[in-house]
Amino acid sequence: MAERNIAITEFAEIPPRVSEWRRFRRVFFSRGVVVFGIIVLLLLLFTAIFAAWLAPYDPYKPIPVDSLAQPGTKHLLGADLLGRDTLSRLIYGSRTALMVGFISVGVASIVGISLGIIAGYSGGLVNVIIMRAMDALMCFPMLLLSLVIAAVLGNGIQNVIIALSVATIPGYARVTHGVTLSIRENDYIMAQWAIGSSNLRTMLRHILPNAFPPLIVLMTMQLGNLILAEAGLSFLGIGIEPPGAAWGAMVNDGYRYLLRSPILSFAPGLAIMLVVFAFNMVGDGLRDALDPRLRGLL
């Protein structure tokens, strides 16, 4: 009788099974800081899409009479040395940040994930060649490597995207390589080999989908890191060419006038901080929601 009661108690303590989508929503939106990050990113996306309607002035047109104008009714965030409205340039800078971030992550993830899967699945000499090349690139800090590449290629948004993409490829390759090595030992992969499934089909249909959860978390967090890296390159003068609106360049232009008009640097600096924070928090939320240990549980 006692054994039966123990069995019933153990059975009652088993968490109920729920749908994956319901569990994902519950875990992902359970933290207020993640919700705050989502709101910030939605506002950023809205601002970038409708920048032409939201900006009160032409962000590239200098107005000499408004040089270093203080915040007021005419210029809510003041104006820079050339009289360009800071708010308008901040709004248009969101387009630059998102463009560089999403394109760089897209290029780096496609190349890095492909190399990681090929190396992990093939093994042998192919694995050694690819991963040692990735190790060589990882010897350099991401910002330093992108700085060198951008300096060689020159200024311009295309060159910045190339530099940041090359610098972040090793991270995707390493993560994908490790996950692939784990997945390829599962029984369902061996079953694919047994029925004669092609290597390409096995990699695309079975390895890539199972490796995707940690990769989507990495991509989300890398978006914030790349926006910060682009701002760093622009601050150093190796990035978006003038008169293009870039938050890093705005910080660089405004720090010379910190005592007279601190808003010129503080406004773009705060925008960079909020966006990077938002991407990191959303990445944390995705990591928790995609945790396989919670799969099917409340």
Protein backbone atom coordinates (compact mmCIF):
# COMPACT_ATOMS: atom_id res chain seq x y z
CA MET A 1 0.00 0.00 0.00
CA ALA A 2 2.83 2.37 0.90
CA GLU A 3 4.58 1.61 -2.39
CA ARG A 4 1.37 2.40 -4.25
CA ASN A 5 1.04 5.77 -2.48
CA ILE A 6 4.67 6.61 -3.33
CA ALA A 7 4.05 5.78 -6.98
CA ILE A 8 0.91 7.94 -7.04
CA THR A 9 2.79 10.83 -5.39
CA GLU A 10 5.64 10.59 -7.89
CA PHE A 11 3.16 10.49 -10.77
CA ALA A 12 1.33 13.55 -9.42
CA GLU A 13 4.58 15.52 -9.26
CA ILE A 14 5.29 15.09 -12.99
CA PRO A 15 4.78 18.51 -14.67
CA PRO A 16 1.97 18.62 -17.23
CA ARG A 17 2.84 18.48 -20.90
CA VAL A 18 2.08 21.60 -22.92
CA SER A 19 2.48 22.71 -26.49
CA GLU A 20 5.88 24.02 -27.56
CA TRP A 21 4.48 27.37 -28.63
CA ARG A 22 2.65 27.89 -25.32
CA ARG A 23 5.75 26.97 -23.34
CA PHE A 24 7.90 29.28 -25.49
CA ARG A 25 5.58 32.23 -24.94
CA ARG A 26 5.35 31.63 -21.20
CA VAL A 27 9.11 31.44 -20.70
CA PHE A 28 10.05 34.15 -23.20
CA PHE A 29 7.65 36.81 -21.92
CA SER A 30 7.99 35.93 -18.22
CA ARG A 31 10.80 38.44 -17.59
CA GLY A 32 10.05 42.15 -17.66
CA VAL A 33 13.52 43.03 -18.91
CA VAL A 34 12.95 40.86 -22.01
CA VAL A 35 9.65 42.61 -22.70
CA PHE A 36 11.43 45.94 -22.34
CA GLY A 37 14.04 44.78 -24.87
CA ILE A 38 11.34 43.76 -27.32
CA ILE A 39 9.65 47.16 -27.01
CA VAL A 40 12.96 48.96 -27.62
CA LEU A 41 13.67 46.85 -30.72
CA LEU A 42 10.17 47.38 -32.09
CA LEU A 43 10.56 51.14 -31.63
CA LEU A 44 13.95 50.96 -33.35
CA LEU A 45 12.48 49.05 -36.28
CA PHE A 46 9.54 51.47 -36.55
CA THR A 47 11.91 54.45 -36.45
CA ALA A 48 14.16 52.99 -39.15
CA ILE A 49 11.24 52.20 -41.48
CA PHE A 50 9.48 55.54 -41.12
CA ALA A 51 12.56 57.73 -40.67
CA ALA A 52 11.61 59.96 -43.60
CA TRP A 53 8.29 60.83 -41.92
CA LEU A 54 9.53 61.00 -38.32
CA ALA A 55 12.61 63.20 -38.86
CA PRO A 56 11.67 66.89 -38.45
CA TYR A 57 14.57 68.10 -40.66
CA ASP A 58 16.80 66.91 -43.46
CA PRO A 59 19.59 65.13 -41.53
CA TYR A 60 22.22 65.99 -44.15
CA LYS A 61 21.41 69.66 -44.80
CA PRO A 62 23.58 72.11 -42.83
CA ILE A 63 21.95 75.22 -41.36
CA PRO A 64 24.84 77.54 -40.38
CA VAL A 65 22.66 79.88 -38.31
CA ASP A 66 21.72 76.95 -36.04
CA SER A 67 25.31 75.88 -35.36
CA LEU A 68 25.52 74.21 -31.93
CA ALA A 69 21.97 75.26 -31.13
CA GLN A 70 20.82 74.15 -27.68
CA PRO A 71 17.81 71.83 -27.20
CA GLY A 72 14.58 73.75 -27.57
CA THR A 73 11.33 73.94 -29.48
CA LYS A 74 13.11 74.29 -32.82
CA HIS A 75 15.64 71.49 -32.27
CA LEU A 76 14.49 69.08 -29.56
CA LEU A 77 17.99 67.61 -29.16
CA GLY A 78 19.94 70.60 -30.40
CA ALA A 79 22.06 70.88 -33.54
CA ASP A 80 25.67 70.00 -34.37
CA LEU A 81 28.48 72.30 -35.52
CA LEU A 82 27.05 72.46 -39.05
CA GLY A 83 23.54 73.20 -37.78
CA ARG A 84 22.17 69.76 -38.63
CA ASP A 85 19.32 68.61 -36.39
CA THR A 86 20.56 65.99 -33.89
CA LEU A 87 17.19 64.24 -33.57
CA SER A 88 16.89 63.83 -37.34
CA ARG A 89 20.39 62.40 -37.60
CA LEU A 90 19.67 60.10 -34.65
CA ILE A 91 16.55 58.80 -36.40
CA TYR A 92 18.36 58.20 -39.68
CA GLY A 93 21.24 56.61 -37.79
CA SER A 94 18.89 53.80 -36.77
CA ARG A 95 18.74 52.78 -40.42
CA THR A 96 22.51 52.55 -40.60
CA ALA A 97 22.70 50.54 -37.38
CA LEU A 98 20.06 48.01 -38.43
CA MET A 99 21.39 47.71 -41.98
CA VAL A 100 24.94 46.99 -40.85
CA GLY A 101 23.77 44.67 -38.06
CA PHE A 102 21.35 42.52 -40.03
CA ILE A 103 23.41 42.23 -43.22
CA SER A 104 26.61 41.45 -41.31
CA VAL A 105 24.87 38.81 -39.19
CA GLY A 106 23.22 37.34 -42.28
CA VAL A 107 26.47 37.02 -44.23
CA ALA A 108 28.53 35.81 -41.28
CA SER A 109 25.93 33.27 -40.15
CA ILE A 110 25.46 31.75 -43.60
CA VAL A 111 29.19 31.33 -44.17
CA GLY A 112 30.03 30.34 -40.58
CA ILE A 113 27.17 27.85 -40.19
CA SER A 114 27.99 26.25 -43.54
CA LEU A 115 31.66 25.85 -42.63
CA GLY A 116 30.81 24.54 -39.15
CA ILE A 117 28.40 21.89 -40.42
CA ILE A 118 30.78 20.74 -43.17
CA ALA A 119 33.69 20.51 -40.73
CA GLY A 120 31.74 18.71 -38.00
CA TYR A 121 29.94 16.33 -40.32
CA SER A 122 32.89 15.46 -42.58
CA GLY A 123 35.62 15.15 -39.95
CA GLY A 124 39.14 14.18 -40.93
CA LEU A 125 41.31 16.54 -42.96
CA VAL A 126 38.38 18.78 -43.93
CA ASN A 127 37.58 19.35 -40.27
CA VAL A 128 41.22 20.13 -39.43
CA ILE A 129 41.67 22.63 -42.28
CA ILE A 130 38.43 24.54 -41.64
CA MET A 131 38.69 24.71 -37.86
CA ARG A 132 42.37 25.66 -37.82
CA ALA A 133 41.54 28.51 -40.18
CA MET A 134 38.78 29.60 -37.80
CA ASP A 135 41.20 29.35 -34.86
CA ALA A 136 43.62 31.60 -36.71
CA LEU A 137 40.93 34.24 -37.17
CA MET A 138 39.84 33.94 -33.55
CA CYS A 139 43.34 34.79 -32.39
CA PHE A 140 42.45 38.43 -33.09
CA PRO A 141 39.75 40.29 -31.13
CA MET A 142 36.69 40.92 -33.27
CA LEU A 143 36.95 44.71 -33.13
CA LEU A 144 40.68 44.69 -33.88
CA LEU A 145 40.27 42.33 -36.83
CA SER A 146 37.36 44.34 -38.26
CA LEU A 147 39.36 47.54 -37.72
CA VAL A 148 42.29 46.16 -39.74
CA ILE A 149 40.05 44.89 -42.55
CA ALA A 150 38.08 48.15 -42.72
CA ALA A 151 41.30 50.16 -42.75
CA VAL A 152 42.58 48.10 -45.69
CA LEU A 153 39.32 48.27 -47.64
CA GLY A 154 38.61 51.92 -46.88
CA ASN A 155 35.57 53.82 -45.66
CA GLY A 156 32.03 53.04 -46.75
CA ILE A 157 29.12 51.02 -45.44
CA GLN A 158 29.89 48.09 -47.77
CA ASN A 159 33.43 47.76 -46.47
CA VAL A 160 32.23 47.99 -42.87
CA ILE A 161 29.79 45.15 -43.50
CA ILE A 162 32.53 43.03 -45.09
CA ALA A 163 34.92 43.71 -42.20
CA LEU A 164 32.37 42.87 -39.49
CA SER A 165 31.15 39.78 -41.36
CA VAL A 166 34.64 38.31 -41.72
CA ALA A 167 35.45 39.07 -38.08
CA THR A 168 32.35 37.21 -36.78
CA ILE A 169 32.41 34.13 -39.03
CA PRO A 170 34.61 32.09 -36.61
CA GLY A 171 32.07 32.38 -33.79
CA TYR A 172 29.30 30.81 -35.86
CA ALA A 173 31.63 28.15 -37.21
CA ARG A 174 32.80 27.12 -33.73
CA VAL A 175 29.30 26.89 -32.26
CA THR A 176 27.92 25.01 -35.28
CA HIS A 177 30.91 22.67 -35.32
CA GLY A 178 30.41 21.69 -31.67
CA VAL A 179 26.66 21.15 -32.04
CA THR A 180 27.16 19.13 -35.23
CA LEU A 181 29.66 16.80 -33.55
CA SER A 182 27.02 16.08 -30.90
CA ILE A 183 24.10 15.63 -33.29
CA ARG A 184 25.88 13.33 -35.74
CA GLU A 185 26.24 10.67 -33.04
CA ASN A 186 22.47 10.32 -32.58
CA ASP A 187 20.61 7.24 -33.77
CA TYR A 188 18.47 9.09 -36.30
CA ILE A 189 21.60 10.29 -38.13
CA MET A 190 22.94 6.75 -38.26
CA ALA A 191 19.54 5.66 -39.59
CA GLN A 192 19.91 8.20 -42.41
CA TRP A 193 23.29 6.72 -43.27
CA ALA A 194 21.82 3.24 -43.21
CA ILE A 195 19.09 4.07 -45.74
CA GLY A 196 21.61 5.76 -48.03
CA SER A 197 20.56 9.37 -47.51
CA SER A 198 22.92 11.85 -49.16
CA ASN A 199 25.25 13.92 -47.03
CA LEU A 200 23.66 17.17 -48.20
CA ARG A 201 20.17 15.96 -47.31
CA THR A 202 21.31 14.77 -43.88
CA MET A 203 22.99 18.09 -43.12
CA LEU A 204 20.08 20.25 -44.31
CA ARG A 205 17.14 18.15 -43.11
CA HIS A 206 18.40 16.74 -39.84
CA ILE A 207 21.52 18.47 -38.52
CA LEU A 208 20.76 22.12 -39.32
CA PRO A 209 17.23 22.21 -37.77
CA ASN A 210 18.48 20.60 -34.56
CA ALA A 211 21.46 22.97 -34.39
CA PHE A 212 19.34 26.07 -34.96
CA PRO A 213 18.21 26.97 -31.37
CA PRO A 214 21.67 27.91 -30.04
CA LEU A 215 22.46 29.62 -33.33
CA ILE A 216 19.40 31.89 -33.21
CA VAL A 217 20.44 32.97 -29.71
CA LEU A 218 23.97 33.69 -30.96
CA MET A 219 22.67 35.69 -33.92
CA THR A 220 20.42 37.80 -31.69
CA MET A 221 23.25 38.68 -29.34
CA GLN A 222 25.65 39.29 -32.21
CA LEU A 223 23.28 41.90 -33.63
CA GLY A 224 23.89 44.09 -30.60
CA ASN A 225 27.62 43.43 -30.67
CA LEU A 226 27.89 44.33 -34.36
CA ILE A 227 25.92 47.54 -33.91
CA LEU A 228 28.33 48.43 -31.11
CA ALA A 229 31.32 47.48 -33.30
CA GLU A 230 30.03 49.60 -36.19
CA ALA A 231 29.64 52.53 -33.81
CA GLY A 232 33.22 51.99 -32.67
CA LEU A 233 34.53 51.98 -36.23
CA SER A 234 32.55 55.12 -37.06
CA PHE A 235 33.84 56.81 -33.90
CA LEU A 236 37.41 56.08 -35.03
CA GLY A 237 36.69 57.51 -38.47
CA ILE A 238 36.74 54.13 -40.23
CA GLY A 239 33.15 53.54 -41.15
CA ILE A 240 30.26 55.43 -42.66
CA GLU A 241 31.44 58.27 -44.86
CA PRO A 242 30.22 61.83 -44.14
CA PRO A 243 27.61 63.18 -44.30
CA GLY A 244 26.02 59.80 -43.57
CA ALA A 245 24.27 59.55 -40.22
CA ALA A 246 25.92 57.00 -37.92
CA TRP A 247 25.65 56.96 -34.14
CA GLY A 248 29.36 56.35 -33.58
CA ALA A 249 30.32 59.25 -35.83
CA MET A 250 27.82 61.47 -34.00
CA VAL A 251 29.47 60.62 -30.67
CA ASN A 252 32.84 61.49 -32.20
CA ASP A 253 31.57 64.79 -33.59
CA GLY A 254 29.97 65.79 -30.31
CA TYR A 255 32.64 64.92 -27.77
CA ARG A 256 34.64 68.04 -28.73
CA TYR A 257 31.76 70.13 -27.40
CA LEU A 258 30.89 68.16 -24.26
CA LEU A 259 31.03 71.23 -22.02
CA ARG A 260 29.02 73.43 -24.34
CA SER A 261 26.51 70.94 -25.74
CA PRO A 262 26.78 67.48 -24.11
CA ILE A 263 23.57 66.26 -25.75
CA LEU A 264 25.45 65.87 -29.06
CA SER A 265 27.33 62.87 -27.65
CA PHE A 266 24.94 61.71 -24.94
CA ALA A 267 21.96 61.21 -27.27
CA PRO A 268 23.64 58.82 -29.76
CA GLY A 269 25.56 57.17 -26.90
CA LEU A 270 22.31 56.45 -25.07
CA ALA A 271 20.77 55.08 -28.28
CA ILE A 272 23.70 52.67 -28.73
CA MET A 273 23.48 51.55 -25.10
CA LEU A 274 19.73 50.90 -25.25
CA VAL A 275 19.86 48.96 -28.51
CA VAL A 276 22.77 46.75 -27.42
CA PHE A 277 21.08 46.13 -24.07
CA ALA A 278 17.80 45.26 -25.80
CA PHE A 279 19.41 42.73 -28.16
CA ASN A 280 21.28 41.09 -25.28
CA MET A 281 18.13 40.80 -23.16
CA VAL A 282 16.10 39.36 -26.02
CA GLY A 283 18.93 36.91 -26.68
CA ASP A 284 18.83 35.86 -23.02
CA GLY A 285 15.08 35.36 -23.27
CA LEU A 286 15.44 33.23 -26.40
CA ARG A 287 18.12 31.14 -24.71
CA ASP A 288 15.81 30.38 -21.80
CA ALA A 289 12.77 29.74 -24.01
CA LEU A 290 14.66 27.41 -26.35
CA ASP A 291 16.30 25.43 -23.53
CA PRO A 292 15.72 21.74 -24.42
CA ARG A 293 15.57 20.86 -20.73
CA LEU A 294 12.27 22.75 -20.50
CA ARG A 295 10.83 21.30 -23.69
CA GLY A 296 7.24 20.22 -23.26
CA LEU A 297 7.08 21.44 -19.64
CA LEU A 298 5.45 24.46 -18.03
